[in-house]
Structure formats: structure tokens, C-alpha cells
């Protein structure tokens, strides 16, 4: 796994921090067949550190964000959160998306998994982001939203080809907004 570690808010990344993050990410590397890139952003604030880990794959982007008083503890917690997310979604991704060529090839087969068990600097106060809408079903969009750890996900419906939004409701269930 190729690991890129960046510091924000004046945090200078040392070789020790970079080595620690790379070493911890090697735990996650065993879940995949191909070599992936991992982006680690470490931020320092007045009273805590925040670590964001992003691993983009061909089909989904996995992301974990954790805050802690200690930078090394935040790295540990972010990697643990990411690993838990991968274990939880591995079977779901490979089963439901086998029709998309190559999806089942992302994850390594040899692991027995327990299913239970880049942000840019802002120049203006409004953050703008450009996205490419993928054609997918509502179930696939909800899974992508869960893997990103977001409350909503914008996608193009594979049947109607219209732009839709899946979202997490306050009662813990999911909803889909369909456009006309």
C-alpha cells in the first residue's frame, strides 16, 4: 500500500509519524488483492488532533475520521474504524455487486471475516466539490454512503438515469429522494 501522510494547521509530519501510519495501515492492506493508495491527513487543533484516512478503490472510497488528544492514538482509532468498516462491508460489496465487472476482485479471498464484528484547504467559507455521478441502484448508493461514513449520497439511478439522493433519516432508516 502506498501511504501519503500530510499535516494541516501547522502540524509538521515527521518520519516517525509517517512510519507509524504506514505500519498501522499494513493491517488493512491484507484485505485487498491489489496495491492501493492511502491518504492520511493529520490536523492539529488547540485541544485535540484529527486524523482522516481515505483509501480510494476503483469502485468505492473508504474513509475514516477520528479525533483524539494524542496523534498516535487518533491514528490507531482511525485505522481500527477503517478495518471494522471493511470487515462489515466486504461480503455485502462482493455479493451485491458481482454484476459489475471486477468488484469481487478488490478483496482478498483468504481471510475469514466476522461480519458482526483529502480534504482541501478552504479558501472561501463555502466548500465546493465536484463529483461524477455513477449509475447504481439505491441499495448500492446506500452501501457507498455507509462506506464513506456520510449522511447522504448523490447518484444516478441505473434504471431511470435520473439524479437521486440517498440519505440517513433521523430514525436510523434510509430514504431516497428521486428527481423529476
Protein backbone atom coordinates (compact mmCIF):
# COMPACT_ATOMS: atom_id res chain seq x y z
CA UNK A 1 0.00 0.00 0.00
CA UNK A 2 1.31 3.42 -0.93
CA UNK A 3 0.78 5.76 2.01
CA UNK A 4 0.86 9.55 1.77
CA UNK A 5 0.77 11.43 5.06
CA UNK A 6 0.12 15.17 5.17
CA UNK A 7 -0.05 17.61 8.04
CA UNK A 8 -2.50 20.50 8.30
CA UNK A 9 -2.94 23.50 10.58
CA UNK A 10 0.81 23.77 11.13
CA UNK A 11 1.43 20.12 12.02
CA UNK A 12 4.79 19.00 10.64
CA UNK A 13 4.89 15.32 9.67
CA UNK A 14 7.99 13.57 10.95
CA UNK A 15 9.44 10.29 9.71
CA UNK A 16 8.19 8.69 12.94
CA UNK A 17 4.58 9.75 12.28
CA UNK A 18 4.76 8.69 8.65
CA UNK A 19 6.29 5.32 9.56
CA UNK A 20 3.72 4.74 12.29
CA UNK A 21 0.80 5.42 9.92
CA UNK A 22 2.29 3.18 7.21
CA UNK A 23 2.90 0.39 9.73
CA UNK A 24 -0.67 0.58 11.02
CA UNK A 25 -2.12 0.66 7.51
CA UNK A 26 -0.36 -2.61 6.73
CA UNK A 27 -3.13 -4.22 8.86
CA UNK A 28 -5.69 -3.03 6.32
CA UNK A 29 -3.57 -3.99 3.31
CA UNK A 30 -4.20 -7.71 3.87
CA UNK A 31 -7.87 -7.27 2.97
CA UNK A 32 -7.06 -6.37 -0.64
CA UNK A 33 -5.59 -8.21 -3.61
CA UNK A 34 -4.23 -5.17 -5.41
CA UNK A 35 -1.98 -2.39 -4.21
CA UNK A 36 -3.94 0.67 -3.19
CA UNK A 37 -3.13 4.24 -2.24
CA UNK A 38 -3.93 5.52 1.23
CA UNK A 39 -4.10 9.20 2.11
CA UNK A 40 -3.67 10.20 5.74
CA UNK A 41 -4.33 13.80 6.79
CA UNK A 42 -3.26 14.75 10.31
CA UNK A 43 -4.54 18.02 11.73
CA UNK A 44 -3.68 19.74 14.97
CA UNK A 45 -6.11 21.90 16.89
CA UNK A 46 -5.84 23.75 20.17
CA UNK A 47 -7.15 20.85 22.27
CA UNK A 48 -7.02 17.75 20.03
CA UNK A 49 -5.68 16.06 16.90
CA UNK A 50 -7.80 14.85 13.99
CA UNK A 51 -6.76 12.05 11.63
CA UNK A 52 -8.55 11.35 8.35
CA UNK A 53 -7.70 8.20 6.37
CA UNK A 54 -9.00 7.79 2.83
CA UNK A 55 -8.49 4.74 0.60
CA UNK A 56 -9.97 5.16 -2.87
CA UNK A 57 -10.59 1.98 -4.86
CA UNK A 58 -11.86 1.51 -8.37
CA UNK A 59 -15.44 1.15 -7.12
CA UNK A 60 -15.70 2.71 -3.66
CA UNK A 61 -13.88 5.13 -1.43
CA UNK A 62 -13.33 4.04 2.16
CA UNK A 63 -12.86 6.77 4.73
CA UNK A 64 -12.46 7.12 8.49
CA UNK A 65 -12.10 10.26 10.58
CA UNK A 66 -11.19 10.32 14.29
CA UNK A 67 -10.30 13.00 16.86
CA UNK A 68 -8.22 12.37 19.97
CA UNK A 69 -5.90 14.20 22.37
CA UNK A 70 -2.97 12.07 21.18
CA UNK A 71 -1.99 11.93 17.49
CA UNK A 72 -0.80 8.32 17.65
CA UNK A 73 -4.00 7.23 19.40
CA UNK A 74 -6.02 9.02 16.72
CA UNK A 75 -4.11 7.13 14.01
CA UNK A 76 -4.81 3.82 15.80
CA UNK A 77 -8.52 4.60 16.18
CA UNK A 78 -8.86 5.70 12.54
CA UNK A 79 -7.23 2.50 11.27
CA UNK A 80 -9.40 0.38 13.59
CA UNK A 81 -12.52 2.19 12.36
CA UNK A 82 -11.49 1.65 8.73
CA UNK A 83 -10.75 -2.04 9.33
CA UNK A 84 -14.12 -2.51 11.00
CA UNK A 85 -15.81 -0.80 8.07
CA UNK A 86 -14.02 -3.10 5.59
CA UNK A 87 -14.91 -6.25 7.55
CA UNK A 88 -18.54 -5.17 7.82
CA UNK A 89 -18.93 -4.37 4.13
CA UNK A 90 -16.65 -6.92 2.42
CA UNK A 91 -19.26 -9.62 1.94
CA UNK A 92 -22.01 -7.13 1.20
CA UNK A 93 -19.95 -5.50 -1.54
CA UNK A 94 -18.80 -8.70 -3.20
CA UNK A 95 -22.25 -10.33 -3.13
CA UNK A 96 -24.44 -7.45 -4.25
CA UNK A 97 -22.09 -6.01 -6.85
CA UNK A 98 -20.79 -9.12 -8.60
CA UNK A 99 -22.58 -7.97 -11.73
CA UNK A 100 -20.13 -5.08 -12.00
CA UNK A 101 -17.01 -6.49 -13.52
CA UNK A 102 -14.06 -6.60 -11.17
CA UNK A 103 -15.78 -5.65 -7.90
CA UNK A 104 -15.28 -9.08 -6.35
CA UNK A 105 -11.62 -8.87 -7.36
CA UNK A 106 -10.88 -5.99 -4.97
CA UNK A 107 -10.91 -8.01 -1.75
CA UNK A 108 -8.60 -10.86 -0.82
CA UNK A 109 -10.33 -14.25 -0.51
CA UNK A 110 -8.12 -15.93 2.07
CA UNK A 111 -9.42 -14.01 5.09
CA UNK A 112 -12.16 -15.34 7.33
CA UNK A 113 -14.12 -12.27 8.33
CA UNK A 114 -16.57 -11.79 11.16
CA UNK A 115 -19.49 -9.81 9.74
CA UNK A 116 -20.69 -8.73 13.18
CA UNK A 117 -17.57 -7.86 14.47
CA UNK A 118 -8.39 14.83 1.24
CA UNK A 119 -9.67 17.28 2.06
CA UNK A 120 -8.54 20.54 0.52
CA UNK A 121 -7.70 23.78 2.28
CA UNK A 122 -10.70 26.09 2.19
CA UNK A 123 -10.14 29.39 0.50
CA UNK A 124 -13.69 30.66 0.98
CA UNK A 125 -16.23 29.85 3.70
CA UNK A 126 -18.20 27.73 1.23
CA UNK A 127 -16.63 24.44 0.30
CA UNK A 128 -17.31 23.36 -3.25
CA UNK A 129 -16.89 19.84 -4.50
CA UNK A 130 -17.32 18.43 -7.97
CA UNK A 131 -18.45 14.82 -8.33
CA UNK A 132 -19.07 12.33 -11.11
CA UNK A 133 -22.41 10.60 -10.74
CA UNK A 134 -22.19 6.83 -11.08
CA UNK A 135 -25.10 4.72 -12.33
CA UNK A 136 -26.21 2.45 -9.49
CA UNK A 137 -29.20 1.11 -7.63
CA UNK A 138 -30.49 2.67 -4.42
CA UNK A 139 -29.04 -0.26 -2.44
CA UNK A 140 -25.61 0.28 -3.96
CA UNK A 141 -25.83 4.02 -3.19
CA UNK A 142 -26.71 3.32 0.43
CA UNK A 143 -23.77 0.93 0.72
CA UNK A 144 -21.44 3.55 -0.81
CA UNK A 145 -22.81 6.14 1.63
CA UNK A 146 -22.15 3.81 4.59
CA UNK A 147 -18.61 3.08 3.42
CA UNK A 148 -17.87 6.80 3.17
CA UNK A 149 -19.45 7.49 6.55
CA UNK A 150 -21.68 10.21 5.08
CA UNK A 151 -25.32 11.13 5.82
CA UNK A 152 -26.24 11.35 2.13
CA UNK A 153 -25.06 10.18 -1.28
CA UNK A 154 -25.88 11.56 -4.74
CA UNK A 155 -26.11 9.05 -7.59
CA UNK A 156 -27.70 8.44 -11.00
CA UNK A 157 -30.35 5.70 -10.89
CA UNK A 158 -29.36 2.82 -13.15
CA UNK A 159 -32.97 2.26 -14.28
CA UNK A 160 -34.36 5.76 -14.79
CA UNK A 161 -30.99 7.53 -15.33
CA UNK A 162 -32.26 10.38 -13.12
CA UNK A 163 -30.25 12.02 -10.35
CA UNK A 164 -31.27 10.72 -6.91
CA UNK A 165 -30.11 11.27 -3.35
CA UNK A 166 -29.96 8.57 -0.69
CA UNK A 167 -29.87 9.78 2.91
CA UNK A 168 -29.83 8.60 6.51
CA UNK A 169 -33.03 9.53 8.35
CA UNK A 170 -33.17 10.61 11.99
CA UNK A 171 -34.86 7.32 12.92
CA UNK A 172 -31.82 5.38 11.59
CA UNK A 173 -33.55 4.18 8.42
CA UNK A 174 -32.66 5.21 4.89
CA UNK A 175 -34.51 7.33 2.38
CA UNK A 176 -34.14 8.10 -1.31
CA UNK A 177 -35.12 11.37 -2.95
CA UNK A 178 -35.99 10.87 -6.61
CA UNK A 179 -35.89 13.81 -9.02
CA UNK A 180 -38.36 14.52 -11.83
